Amino acid sequence: MSGPQSVDHALALLDAVADAPGPLSAKALTRRLGCSLSTVYHLLGPLTARGYLMRGPEG
């Protein structure tokens, strides 16, 4: 995954997290975004490493 589509997916993921009432698991993000679990993990890695998201005990 690269290019504009991955940017769209990353922004959709950030929107889903921002709109959620609480922490979300990777599986919950998969359901909300309609993409694969591997895609969600692919996006979560850099977003977490750069400080846009943080991992907690519940997601």
C-alpha atoms as a PDB file:
ATOM      1  CA  MET A   1       0.000   0.000   0.000  1.00  0.00           C
ATOM      2  CA  SER A   2       1.413   3.364  -0.944  1.00  0.00           C
ATOM      3  CA  GLY A   3       0.447   6.680  -2.389  1.00  0.00           C
ATOM      4  CA  PRO A   4      -2.815   8.561  -2.079  1.00  0.00           C
ATOM      5  CA  GLN A   5      -4.816   5.472  -1.120  1.00  0.00           C
ATOM      6  CA  SER A   6      -2.678   4.828   1.952  1.00  0.00           C
ATOM      7  CA  VAL A   7      -2.988   8.494   2.942  1.00  0.00           C
ATOM      8  CA  ASP A   8      -6.772   8.163   2.650  1.00  0.00           C
ATOM      9  CA  HIS A   9      -6.696   5.014   4.785  1.00  0.00           C
ATOM     10  CA  ALA A  10      -4.488   6.669   7.416  1.00  0.00           C
ATOM     11  CA  LEU A  11      -6.775   9.700   7.613  1.00  0.00           C
ATOM     12  CA  ALA A  12      -9.849   7.456   7.842  1.00  0.00           C
ATOM     13  CA  LEU A  13      -8.165   5.564  10.677  1.00  0.00           C
ATOM     14  CA  LEU A  14      -7.399   8.806  12.528  1.00  0.00           C
ATOM     15  CA  ASP A  15     -10.997   9.963  12.008  1.00  0.00           C
ATOM     16  CA  ALA A  16     -12.331   6.647  13.350  1.00  0.00           C
ATOM     17  CA  VAL A  17     -10.172   6.935  16.462  1.00  0.00           C
ATOM     18  CA  ALA A  18     -11.150  10.589  16.982  1.00  0.00           C
ATOM     19  CA  ASP A  19     -14.863   9.788  16.626  1.00  0.00           C
ATOM     20  CA  ALA A  20     -14.782   6.800  18.983  1.00  0.00           C
ATOM     21  CA  PRO A  21     -16.103   7.260  22.525  1.00  0.00           C
ATOM     22  CA  GLY A  22     -13.135   5.316  23.900  1.00  0.00           C
ATOM     23  CA  PRO A  23     -10.167   3.153  22.947  1.00  0.00           C
ATOM     24  CA  LEU A  24     -10.433   0.982  19.848  1.00  0.00           C
ATOM     25  CA  SER A  25      -8.747  -2.321  19.164  1.00  0.00           C
ATOM     26  CA  ALA A  26      -7.145  -3.067  15.810  1.00  0.00           C
ATOM     27  CA  LYS A  27     -10.004  -5.486  15.090  1.00  0.00           C
ATOM     28  CA  ALA A  28     -12.585  -2.782  15.821  1.00  0.00           C
ATOM     29  CA  LEU A  29     -10.747  -0.436  13.451  1.00  0.00           C
ATOM     30  CA  THR A  30     -10.794  -3.162  10.802  1.00  0.00           C
ATOM     31  CA  ARG A  31     -14.574  -3.392  11.090  1.00  0.00           C
ATOM     32  CA  ARG A  32     -15.049   0.389  11.034  1.00  0.00           C
ATOM     33  CA  LEU A  33     -12.752   0.941   8.066  1.00  0.00           C
ATOM     34  CA  GLY A  34     -13.707  -2.139   6.061  1.00  0.00           C
ATOM     35  CA  CYS A  35     -10.099  -3.118   5.397  1.00  0.00           C
ATOM     36  CA  SER A  36      -7.882  -5.995   6.435  1.00  0.00           C
ATOM     37  CA  LEU A  37      -6.265  -6.399   9.833  1.00  0.00           C
ATOM     38  CA  SER A  38      -2.833  -6.339   8.187  1.00  0.00           C
ATOM     39  CA  THR A  39      -3.664  -2.956   6.617  1.00  0.00           C
ATOM     40  CA  VAL A  40      -4.702  -1.568   9.999  1.00  0.00           C
ATOM     41  CA  TYR A  41      -1.467  -2.788  11.612  1.00  0.00           C
ATOM     42  CA  HIS A  42       0.505  -1.374   8.663  1.00  0.00           C
ATOM     43  CA  LEU A  43      -1.057   2.035   9.354  1.00  0.00           C
ATOM     44  CA  LEU A  44      -0.904   1.865  13.152  1.00  0.00           C
ATOM     45  CA  GLY A  45       2.855   1.304  13.236  1.00  0.00           C
ATOM     46  CA  PRO A  46       4.008   4.638  11.815  1.00  0.00           C
ATOM     47  CA  LEU A  47       1.132   6.605  13.366  1.00  0.00           C
ATOM     48  CA  THR A  48       2.049   5.256  16.796  1.00  0.00           C
ATOM     49  CA  ALA A  49       5.795   5.715  16.234  1.00  0.00           C
ATOM     50  CA  ARG A  50       5.255   9.372  15.296  1.00  0.00           C
ATOM     51  CA  GLY A  51       3.038  10.039  18.312  1.00  0.00           C
ATOM     52  CA  TYR A  52      -0.277  10.504  16.508  1.00  0.00           C
ATOM     53  CA  LEU A  53      -1.729   7.511  18.370  1.00  0.00           C
ATOM     54  CA  MET A  54      -0.787   5.645  21.482  1.00  0.00           C
ATOM     55  CA  ARG A  55      -1.322   2.071  22.452  1.00  0.00           C
ATOM     56  CA  GLY A  56      -3.110   1.376  25.688  1.00  0.00           C
ATOM     57  CA  PRO A  57      -4.235  -1.768  27.499  1.00  0.00           C
ATOM     58  CA  GLU A  58      -7.658  -1.626  25.806  1.00  0.00           C
ATOM     59  CA  GLY A  59      -6.549  -0.618  22.347  1.00  0.00           C
END
